[in-house]
Amino acid sequence: MTIPSSTTPEHEHWQGLYSPTESHWQDLKRIRNFVTPIIGLVFIATLYIVVGYTSIHMEDWIPDNINITTYYIYLTQILIIIFSPTILLLITLRYILSKTSELIYSIYQPSPSEKLSSLISRKLLGVPPFPPPLDTVLKYPFVVINKPALEDDHWARWFGGPAILVIHDGAGVYLERGNQFSRVVGPGELVPLLERHERIIDIVDLRPQTKSGYVEPWTKDGVHIKLELRVDVQINASQKSLEKSSKLRYPFDPLAVKAAVEYTSVKTTSDGKLKESSWLEGAWGTITGEVNSFVAGHSLDELFLAPQIENHTHLNQQKNHIPEKIEQILSRRISEKVTGNIQERLQQNGIKVLNIQITDVVVPREVQDLRTKYWRSIRGIISAQRNSRAEAERIRIREQAHADAQRTILMTITQKLENIDADNMTEPLILSLSGLLDQGLDDPLIRPWIASESFTVLEKMRKLLKERF
């Protein structure tokens, strides 16, 4: 069955697009269409020899003296004449098969140990249906894919089906017909059939993939740094595919596998040749490119210094100063930001980013020394400011206690003056107290050291003394 790419069925039907039972019956029709004309032609050729040539020359072959030897010679001549078309046909088919094998060897260059005769006969005629128990013996071969790897020289890759694909959990298989996409199959309840015109192009690992490596970006201020990245990626799966893959350990989404396989890039090898990279290498290139772009947009201090407001450090004492928002490349916020940007770019290619970590940072030695000195000075400023704030708070508490004690004494004096008779107090003492109050309240050096609540009490005492004297 040949299905043009323009009418490729929906991906929900890719798994069971071809049935082994239906394919066996198609093989029977193919054998009938192939063998029937050959049998007819051989029969006509044999009949022509028997009826025409043999009947005319039969008498010439009959020996005059018949014995056992001459009889068998005569019988052999008759049999050769009758079966000569069949013998010539078998010789011709054998010759064609050998030339076909040579052509396939020259085109695909398979392993010398590969038996092409069985592959060609199965490709040409297939395997017709047989009744039980022969159907368990005479059937299509199995291609077991128990891990995301299959030898590059396996016949299913370069020659194709028919074959039955046994795909274990964690693998998705990308198939082509000719040089065009056919479908994607994977693990599931239905065992897919590799149709005779299909071949395996790629096998995708559905398990999470981990890749580590270094990137060497330049910062905005021209510093060349080195970052070690560890990324975890996986083939994406839609919600519907997750539901259908509930019995599988690793979800299988045929559209995501198709997008990942077709998301390929070409790179130049060390010997100058072009090499097609896998989807994982393509994802790694996108991730490193995004990291390089992010680093190039920030200075070294913006990448590694914490925000001043987070450290409770206010180096600039201006009232309207807005603390600088400094990025931290190792912070969770930046990791989520970079991951989100990468996720948007890779999701359309069927790839999901699970995690991105920066496991090591290497900066030039001289820059590291300068940065260490700068950080030490910042820490010194922070420590000095904290000590200053602590000392100011200690002084404030001490003076507050002194003012409270002074206020208590003055209030006590005031209460006593209100309860005693002025005639029993000597005039010099009262005048001395009044003078001290006038001097203390008018002195600008003393007033700041007295609590604001004390002024009312002192003014009351001065007024009381002046009214009595």
Protein backbone atom coordinates (compact mmCIF):
# COMPACT_ATOMS: atom_id res chain seq x y z
CA MET A 1 0.00 0.00 0.00
CA THR A 2 1.50 3.34 -1.06
CA ILE A 3 0.34 6.48 0.67
CA PRO A 4 1.53 9.83 -0.71
CA SER A 5 2.95 12.24 1.82
CA SER A 6 0.18 14.73 1.11
CA THR A 7 -2.41 12.26 2.33
CA THR A 8 -0.47 10.90 5.32
CA PRO A 9 -3.04 9.94 7.97
CA GLU A 10 -3.28 11.62 11.34
CA HIS A 11 -0.68 10.72 13.90
CA GLU A 12 -3.22 8.88 16.06
CA HIS A 13 -3.32 6.13 13.40
CA TRP A 14 0.40 5.89 12.69
CA GLN A 15 0.99 3.03 15.10
CA GLY A 16 -1.45 0.62 13.47
CA LEU A 17 -1.38 1.98 9.94
CA TYR A 18 -0.32 -1.39 8.48
CA SER A 19 -1.56 -4.76 9.70
CA PRO A 20 0.63 -7.91 9.47
CA THR A 21 -2.41 -10.03 8.55
CA GLU A 22 -3.44 -7.71 5.75
CA SER A 23 0.14 -7.53 4.55
CA HIS A 24 0.36 -11.35 4.31
CA TRP A 25 -2.74 -11.43 2.10
CA GLN A 26 -1.29 -8.65 -0.03
CA ASP A 27 1.84 -10.80 -0.40
CA LEU A 28 -0.33 -13.69 -1.62
CA LYS A 29 -1.84 -11.45 -4.29
CA ARG A 30 1.63 -10.25 -5.25
CA ILE A 31 2.87 -13.83 -5.60
CA ARG A 32 -0.15 -14.71 -7.69
CA ASN A 33 0.38 -11.73 -9.99
CA PHE A 34 4.06 -12.56 -10.28
CA VAL A 35 3.92 -16.34 -10.69
CA THR A 36 0.78 -16.75 -12.80
CA PRO A 37 2.18 -15.14 -15.99
CA ILE A 38 5.42 -17.12 -15.62
CA ILE A 39 3.57 -20.42 -15.27
CA GLY A 40 1.39 -19.59 -18.23
CA LEU A 41 4.35 -18.75 -20.44
CA VAL A 42 6.24 -21.86 -19.38
CA PHE A 43 3.17 -23.99 -20.07
CA ILE A 44 2.74 -22.52 -23.55
CA ALA A 45 6.43 -23.00 -24.32
CA THR A 46 6.33 -26.58 -23.09
CA LEU A 47 3.15 -27.33 -24.98
CA TYR A 48 4.65 -25.90 -28.16
CA ILE A 49 7.70 -28.15 -27.81
CA VAL A 50 5.69 -31.24 -26.99
CA VAL A 51 2.99 -30.78 -29.62
CA GLY A 52 5.13 -29.24 -32.32
CA TYR A 53 8.79 -30.17 -32.23
CA THR A 54 8.53 -33.50 -30.38
CA SER A 55 5.69 -34.90 -32.45
CA ILE A 56 7.56 -34.17 -35.65
CA HIS A 57 10.94 -35.57 -34.63
CA MET A 58 9.72 -38.31 -32.31
CA GLU A 59 10.33 -41.08 -34.86
CA ASP A 60 13.90 -39.94 -35.55
CA TRP A 61 14.77 -40.36 -31.86
CA ILE A 62 13.40 -43.87 -31.53
CA PRO A 63 16.37 -46.29 -31.63
CA ASP A 64 16.33 -49.24 -33.97
CA ASN A 65 17.60 -51.58 -31.32
CA ILE A 66 15.78 -50.94 -28.03
CA ASN A 67 17.49 -52.02 -24.83
CA ILE A 68 17.78 -50.57 -21.35
CA THR A 69 20.51 -48.13 -22.28
CA THR A 70 18.92 -46.82 -25.41
CA TYR A 71 15.57 -46.61 -23.62
CA TYR A 72 16.91 -44.33 -20.87
CA ILE A 73 18.73 -42.21 -23.41
CA TYR A 74 15.53 -41.79 -25.36
CA LEU A 75 13.57 -40.95 -22.16
CA THR A 76 16.19 -38.40 -21.11
CA GLN A 77 15.96 -36.65 -24.45
CA ILE A 78 12.19 -36.41 -24.10
CA LEU A 79 12.42 -35.01 -20.57
CA ILE A 80 15.04 -32.43 -21.54
CA ILE A 81 12.87 -31.21 -24.39
CA ILE A 82 9.79 -30.99 -22.17
CA PHE A 83 11.42 -29.27 -19.18
CA SER A 84 13.85 -27.09 -21.11
CA PRO A 85 11.63 -23.95 -20.77
CA THR A 86 11.45 -24.46 -17.00
CA ILE A 87 15.19 -25.05 -16.73
CA LEU A 88 15.91 -21.96 -18.80
CA LEU A 89 13.52 -19.98 -16.60
CA LEU A 90 15.25 -21.08 -13.38
CA ILE A 91 18.65 -20.25 -14.82
CA THR A 92 17.39 -16.83 -15.88
CA LEU A 93 15.88 -16.08 -12.45
CA ARG A 94 19.09 -17.16 -10.79
CA TYR A 95 21.08 -14.86 -13.03
CA ILE A 96 18.74 -11.95 -12.37
CA LEU A 97 18.95 -12.54 -8.61
CA SER A 98 22.75 -12.54 -8.68
CA LYS A 99 22.86 -9.32 -10.70
CA THR A 100 20.33 -7.74 -8.34
CA SER A 101 22.50 -8.68 -5.36
CA GLU A 102 25.52 -7.13 -7.03
CA LEU A 103 23.58 -3.94 -7.67
CA ILE A 104 22.40 -3.75 -4.07
CA TYR A 105 25.92 -4.37 -2.82
CA SER A 106 27.25 -1.57 -4.99
CA ILE A 107 24.54 0.90 -3.89
CA TYR A 108 24.19 0.21 -0.17
CA GLN A 109 27.52 -1.51 0.53
CA PRO A 110 26.19 -3.71 3.35
CA SER A 111 28.17 -6.12 5.45
CA PRO A 112 29.64 -8.98 3.36
CA SER A 113 27.99 -11.43 5.73
CA GLU A 114 24.53 -10.08 4.91
CA LYS A 115 22.38 -12.61 3.05
CA LEU A 116 20.74 -10.53 0.37
CA SER A 117 18.88 -13.39 -1.31
CA SER A 118 16.40 -13.72 1.55
CA LEU A 119 16.00 -9.94 1.79
CA ILE A 120 15.32 -9.61 -1.93
CA SER A 121 12.87 -12.48 -2.07
CA ARG A 122 11.00 -11.13 0.98
CA LYS A 123 10.95 -7.65 -0.50
CA LEU A 124 9.78 -8.94 -3.89
CA LEU A 125 7.31 -11.64 -2.92
CA GLY A 126 6.79 -11.25 0.83
CA VAL A 127 5.45 -14.04 3.01
CA PRO A 128 2.02 -15.44 2.12
CA PRO A 129 -0.38 -16.46 4.91
CA PHE A 130 -0.03 -19.98 6.20
CA PRO A 131 -2.44 -21.97 8.35
CA PRO A 132 -1.47 -22.91 11.91
CA PRO A 133 1.02 -24.07 13.03
CA LEU A 134 3.04 -22.99 9.97
CA ASP A 135 2.11 -19.36 10.57
CA THR A 136 4.35 -19.35 13.67
CA VAL A 137 7.34 -20.45 11.61
CA LEU A 138 6.84 -18.80 8.23
CA LYS A 139 6.34 -15.12 9.09
CA TYR A 140 8.01 -11.74 8.92
CA PRO A 141 11.27 -11.33 10.87
CA PHE A 142 11.30 -9.38 14.12
CA VAL A 143 13.41 -6.28 14.65
CA VAL A 144 13.78 -5.78 18.39
CA ILE A 145 14.56 -2.25 19.54
CA ASN A 146 15.14 -2.61 23.26
CA LYS A 147 17.28 0.51 23.48
CA PRO A 148 17.59 3.69 21.42
CA ALA A 149 20.30 2.21 19.24
CA LEU A 150 20.37 0.01 16.15
CA GLU A 151 23.41 -0.80 14.09
CA ASP A 152 23.94 1.60 11.22
CA ASP A 153 24.42 -1.33 8.85
CA HIS A 154 21.25 -3.13 9.94
CA TRP A 155 19.13 -4.07 6.92
CA ALA A 156 16.06 -2.35 8.42
CA ARG A 157 17.90 0.98 8.11
CA TRP A 158 19.07 0.78 4.50
CA PHE A 159 16.85 -1.88 2.87
CA GLY A 160 13.61 -1.61 4.82
CA GLY A 161 10.74 -4.00 5.45
CA PRO A 162 8.68 -5.97 5.63
CA ALA A 163 9.38 -6.71 9.29
CA ILE A 164 7.66 -6.53 12.66
CA LEU A 165 9.06 -3.85 15.00
CA VAL A 166 9.20 -4.76 18.68
CA ILE A 167 9.83 -1.38 20.34
CA HIS A 168 10.51 -1.28 24.05
CA ASP A 169 9.58 1.53 26.40
CA GLY A 170 11.78 4.61 26.00
CA ALA A 171 12.28 4.64 22.22
CA GLY A 172 10.54 6.33 19.28
CA VAL A 173 11.24 5.25 15.67
CA TYR A 174 11.20 7.68 12.74
CA LEU A 175 10.35 6.01 9.39
CA GLU A 176 10.64 7.17 5.79
CA ARG A 177 9.30 5.99 2.44
CA GLY A 178 11.94 6.63 -0.16
CA ASN A 179 13.33 10.01 0.85
CA GLN A 180 10.11 11.36 2.37
CA PHE A 181 8.68 11.16 5.86
CA SER A 182 6.27 8.29 6.44
CA ARG A 183 5.35 8.11 10.13
CA VAL A 184 6.61 7.72 13.70
CA VAL A 185 5.97 4.59 15.73
CA GLY A 186 6.82 3.63 19.27
CA PRO A 187 5.91 1.41 22.22
CA GLY A 188 2.29 0.57 22.83
CA GLU A 189 -0.36 -2.10 22.69
CA LEU A 190 -0.22 -2.28 18.88
CA VAL A 191 2.95 -3.82 17.44
CA PRO A 192 3.83 -1.78 14.33
CA LEU A 193 4.71 -3.33 10.98
CA LEU A 194 7.63 -1.95 9.00
CA GLU A 195 6.04 -1.84 5.56
CA ARG A 196 8.07 -3.08 2.58
CA HIS A 197 8.66 0.44 1.28
CA GLU A 198 9.60 1.90 4.67
CA ARG A 199 12.95 1.99 6.43
CA ILE A 200 14.20 3.16 9.80
CA ILE A 201 15.88 6.56 9.67
CA ASP A 202 16.35 7.43 13.31
CA ILE A 203 15.64 6.07 16.79
CA VAL A 204 14.96 8.72 19.44
CA ASP A 205 15.64 8.19 23.12
CA LEU A 206 12.53 9.22 25.10
CA ARG A 207 14.35 9.17 28.43
CA PRO A 208 15.71 12.39 30.01
CA GLN A 209 19.06 13.30 28.50
CA THR A 210 21.89 14.97 30.42
CA LYS A 211 24.68 16.88 28.76
CA SER A 212 27.54 18.84 30.30
CA GLY A 213 30.01 21.15 28.70
CA TYR A 214 31.70 24.54 28.76
CA VAL A 215 30.75 27.85 27.18
CA GLU A 216 33.13 30.80 27.03
CA PRO A 217 31.10 34.02 26.64
CA TRP A 218 32.21 37.65 26.88
CA THR A 219 30.54 39.99 29.37
CA LYS A 220 29.32 43.46 28.49
CA ASP A 221 32.45 45.02 29.99
CA GLY A 222 34.77 42.80 27.91
CA VAL A 223 35.70 40.07 30.39
CA HIS A 224 36.13 36.57 28.98
CA ILE A 225 34.66 34.03 31.43
CA LYS A 226 34.13 30.29 31.31
CA LEU A 227 30.97 28.56 32.50
CA GLU A 228 30.36 24.86 32.97
CA LEU A 229 26.75 23.96 32.15
CA ARG A 230 24.73 20.89 33.03
CA VAL A 231 21.43 20.63 31.17
CA ASP A 232 18.64 18.06 31.36
CA VAL A 233 16.32 17.79 28.36
CA GLN A 234 13.70 15.33 27.17
CA ILE A 235 11.38 14.78 24.23
CA ASN A 236 8.23 16.75 24.96
CA ALA A 237 4.77 15.21 25.19
CA SER A 238 1.36 16.84 24.93
CA GLN A 239 -1.32 16.31 27.55
CA LYS A 240 -3.18 13.94 25.26
CA SER A 241 -0.03 11.89 24.66
CA LEU A 242 0.59 11.74 28.40
CA GLU A 243 -2.84 10.27 28.91
CA LYS A 244 -2.34 7.68 26.16
CA SER A 245 1.10 6.79 27.56
CA SER A 246 -0.14 6.31 31.12
CA LYS A 247 1.05 2.68 31.11
CA LEU A 248 4.50 3.64 29.86
CA ARG A 249 7.30 4.91 32.03
CA TYR A 250 8.41 7.43 29.43
CA PRO A 251 5.67 9.27 27.51
CA PHE A 252 5.58 8.88 23.75
CA ASP A 253 4.38 11.71 21.50
CA PRO A 254 4.84 10.93 17.77
CA LEU A 255 4.57 14.58 16.72
CA ALA A 256 7.24 15.61 19.21
CA VAL A 257 9.54 12.83 17.99
CA LYS A 258 8.97 13.95 14.39
CA ALA A 259 9.79 17.57 15.28
CA ALA A 260 12.91 16.56 17.21
CA VAL A 261 14.29 14.39 14.39
CA GLU A 262 13.62 17.06 11.79
CA TYR A 263 15.26 19.66 14.06
CA THR A 264 18.75 18.96 12.77
CA SER A 265 21.73 21.18 12.18
CA VAL A 266 24.92 20.74 10.22
CA LYS A 267 28.33 21.42 11.70
CA THR A 268 31.85 21.27 10.34
CA THR A 269 34.15 18.59 11.70
CA SER A 270 37.85 18.97 12.38
CA ASP A 271 38.72 17.59 8.94
CA GLY A 272 36.46 20.12 7.20
CA LYS A 273 33.57 17.77 6.46
CA LEU A 274 29.93 18.49 7.19
CA LYS A 275 28.21 16.37 9.81
CA GLU A 276 24.54 16.30 10.69
CA SER A 277 24.04 16.67 14.43
CA SER A 278 21.35 14.99 16.51
CA TRP A 279 18.44 16.71 18.23
CA LEU A 280 20.35 16.70 21.53
CA GLU A 281 23.29 18.53 19.99
CA GLY A 282 20.90 20.98 18.38
CA ALA A 283 19.24 21.65 21.74
CA TRP A 284 22.65 22.10 23.33
CA GLY A 285 23.53 24.70 20.71
CA THR A 286 20.33 26.63 21.41
CA ILE A 287 20.93 26.54 25.17
CA THR A 288 24.53 27.70 24.95
CA GLY A 289 23.54 30.43 22.51
CA GLU A 290 20.93 31.77 24.94
CA VAL A 291 23.42 31.69 27.82
CA ASN A 292 26.01 33.53 25.73
CA SER A 293 23.42 36.14 24.80
CA PHE A 294 22.42 36.65 28.42
CA VAL A 295 26.01 37.02 29.63
CA ALA A 296 26.83 39.44 26.80
CA GLY A 297 24.05 41.76 28.01
CA HIS A 298 25.45 42.15 31.55
CA SER A 299 28.67 43.27 33.15
CA LEU A 300 30.71 41.07 35.44
CA ASP A 301 29.44 42.80 38.59
CA GLU A 302 25.85 42.54 37.39
CA LEU A 303 26.28 38.80 36.98
CA PHE A 304 27.90 37.99 40.30
CA LEU A 305 27.13 40.76 42.85
CA ALA A 306 23.97 40.53 44.92
CA PRO A 307 21.58 43.51 44.87
CA GLN A 308 22.38 46.15 47.46
CA ILE A 309 18.85 46.15 48.79
CA GLU A 310 19.11 42.40 49.48
CA ASN A 311 22.25 42.98 51.55
CA HIS A 312 20.59 45.89 53.42
CA THR A 313 23.47 48.07 52.22
CA HIS A 314 22.82 51.70 51.29
CA LEU A 315 26.12 53.12 50.11
CA ASN A 316 24.38 56.15 48.67
CA GLN A 317 22.61 58.08 51.40
CA GLN A 318 20.50 60.21 49.06
CA LYS A 319 16.83 60.12 49.95
CA ASN A 320 15.62 59.56 46.40
CA HIS A 321 18.25 56.91 45.56
CA ILE A 322 16.80 53.75 43.98
CA PRO A 323 18.89 50.65 44.81
CA GLU A 324 20.50 49.13 41.73
CA LYS A 325 18.93 45.84 40.63
CA ILE A 326 21.94 43.64 39.97
CA GLU A 327 21.52 40.26 38.27
CA GLN A 328 22.99 37.10 39.80
CA ILE A 329 23.75 34.43 37.24
CA LEU A 330 23.73 31.70 39.88
CA SER A 331 20.40 32.74 41.38
CA ARG A 332 17.22 30.76 40.94
CA ARG A 333 15.45 33.77 39.42
CA ILE A 334 17.97 34.07 36.59
CA SER A 335 17.99 30.30 36.06
CA GLU A 336 14.21 30.30 35.65
CA LYS A 337 14.38 33.32 33.33
CA VAL A 338 16.97 31.76 31.02
CA THR A 339 15.19 28.40 31.13
CA GLY A 340 11.90 30.04 30.20
CA ASN A 341 13.41 31.74 27.16
CA ILE A 342 15.03 28.50 26.01
CA GLN A 343 11.83 26.57 26.64
CA GLU A 344 9.90 28.77 24.24
CA ARG A 345 12.48 28.25 21.49
CA LEU A 346 12.81 24.48 21.88
CA GLN A 347 9.18 23.58 22.53
CA GLN A 348 8.29 24.03 18.86
CA ASN A 349 11.00 21.48 18.07
CA GLY A 350 9.49 18.84 20.35
CA ILE A 351 12.07 19.31 23.13
CA LYS A 352 11.43 20.08 26.79
CA VAL A 353 14.06 21.62 29.07
CA LEU A 354 13.99 20.03 32.52
CA ASN A 355 16.85 21.84 34.21
CA ILE A 356 19.83 24.11 33.54
CA GLN A 357 22.61 24.45 36.08
CA ILE A 358 25.87 26.39 36.15
CA THR A 359 28.21 24.06 38.03
CA ASP A 360 31.43 26.05 37.71
CA VAL A 361 32.53 29.61 36.90
CA VAL A 362 36.06 30.48 35.82
CA VAL A 363 37.19 34.11 35.39
CA PRO A 364 40.66 35.46 34.55
CA ARG A 365 43.08 35.46 37.48
CA GLU A 366 43.70 39.21 37.49
CA VAL A 367 39.97 39.93 37.34
CA GLN A 368 39.39 37.48 40.20
CA ASP A 369 41.98 39.28 42.36
CA LEU A 370 40.49 42.70 41.66
CA ARG A 371 37.00 41.41 42.29
CA THR A 372 38.09 39.86 45.61
CA LYS A 373 39.62 43.17 46.75
CA TYR A 374 36.49 45.04 45.72
CA TRP A 375 34.24 42.64 47.55
CA ARG A 376 36.40 42.91 50.67
CA SER A 377 36.08 46.70 50.60
CA ILE A 378 32.31 46.39 50.19
CA ARG A 379 32.16 44.02 53.13
CA GLY A 380 34.22 46.50 55.19
CA ILE A 381 31.83 49.31 54.37
CA ILE A 382 28.88 47.11 55.27
CA SER A 383 30.50 46.16 58.57
CA ALA A 384 31.33 49.80 59.40
CA GLN A 385 27.78 50.92 58.67
CA ARG A 386 26.35 48.17 60.84
CA ASN A 387 28.71 49.11 63.71
CA SER A 388 27.79 52.79 63.34
CA ARG A 389 24.11 52.01 63.47
CA ALA A 390 24.63 49.86 66.57
CA GLU A 391 26.66 52.61 68.34
CA ALA A 392 24.06 55.27 67.49
CA GLU A 393 21.33 53.06 68.84
CA ARG A 394 23.30 52.50 72.08
CA ILE A 395 23.79 56.24 72.59
CA ARG A 396 20.14 56.95 71.91
CA ILE A 397 19.03 54.39 74.49
CA ARG A 398 21.48 55.77 77.09
CA GLU A 399 20.38 59.38 76.61
CA GLN A 400 16.76 58.36 76.61
CA ALA A 401 17.25 56.69 80.00
CA HIS A 402 19.07 59.81 81.29
CA ALA A 403 16.26 62.08 80.15
CA ASP A 404 13.63 59.81 81.71
CA ALA A 405 15.46 59.91 85.05
CA GLN A 406 15.81 63.71 84.86
CA ARG A 407 12.14 64.09 84.12
CA THR A 408 11.22 61.92 87.09
CA ILE A 409 13.35 64.05 89.44
CA LEU A 410 11.89 67.32 88.18
CA MET A 411 8.32 66.05 88.51
CA THR A 412 9.06 64.99 92.10
CA ILE A 413 10.45 68.45 92.92
CA THR A 414 7.39 70.08 91.41
CA GLN A 415 5.01 67.98 93.46
CA LYS A 416 6.90 68.78 96.67
CA LEU A 417 6.89 72.53 95.98
CA GLU A 418 3.13 72.44 95.46
CA ASN A 419 2.56 70.71 98.84
CA ILE A 420 4.82 72.85 101.11
CA ASP A 421 4.37 76.33 102.48
CA ALA A 422 6.55 78.95 100.93
CA ASP A 423 7.07 80.65 104.31
CA ASN A 424 8.97 77.62 105.62
CA MET A 425 11.54 77.77 102.76
CA THR A 426 14.32 80.18 102.97
CA GLU A 427 14.31 82.86 100.37
CA PRO A 428 17.92 82.26 99.14
CA LEU A 429 17.22 78.65 98.35
CA ILE A 430 14.16 79.45 96.31
CA LEU A 431 15.90 82.22 94.44
CA SER A 432 18.83 79.91 93.70
CA LEU A 433 16.54 77.24 92.31
CA SER A 434 14.71 79.79 90.16
CA GLY A 435 17.99 81.06 88.77
CA LEU A 436 19.15 77.58 87.87
CA LEU A 437 15.92 76.90 86.02
CA ASP A 438 16.16 80.15 84.05
CA GLN A 439 19.76 79.46 83.11
CA GLY A 440 19.13 75.82 82.12
CA LEU A 441 16.07 76.51 80.00
CA ASP A 442 17.69 79.41 78.16
CA ASP A 443 21.03 77.66 77.48
CA PRO A 444 21.03 76.13 73.88
CA LEU A 445 23.68 73.59 74.89
CA ILE A 446 21.56 72.10 77.67
CA ARG A 447 18.14 72.05 75.97
CA PRO A 448 18.98 69.20 73.46
CA TRP A 449 19.92 66.88 76.32
CA ILE A 450 16.57 67.29 78.05
CA ALA A 451 13.59 65.22 76.94
CA SER A 452 10.79 67.14 75.24
CA GLU A 453 8.31 66.12 77.95
CA SER A 454 10.48 67.82 80.60
CA PHE A 455 10.14 71.34 79.21
CA THR A 456 6.50 71.61 80.26
CA VAL A 457 7.34 70.61 83.84
CA LEU A 458 10.28 73.00 84.11
CA GLU A 459 8.28 75.93 82.73
CA LYS A 460 5.58 75.20 85.28
CA MET A 461 8.13 75.22 88.12
CA ARG A 462 9.60 78.54 86.99
CA LYS A 463 6.15 80.11 86.76
CA LEU A 464 5.21 78.82 90.20
CA LEU A 465 8.32 80.26 91.85
CA LYS A 466 7.88 83.66 90.20
CA GLU A 467 4.26 83.90 91.34
CA ARG A 468 5.21 83.25 94.95
CA PHE A 469 8.20 85.55 95.06
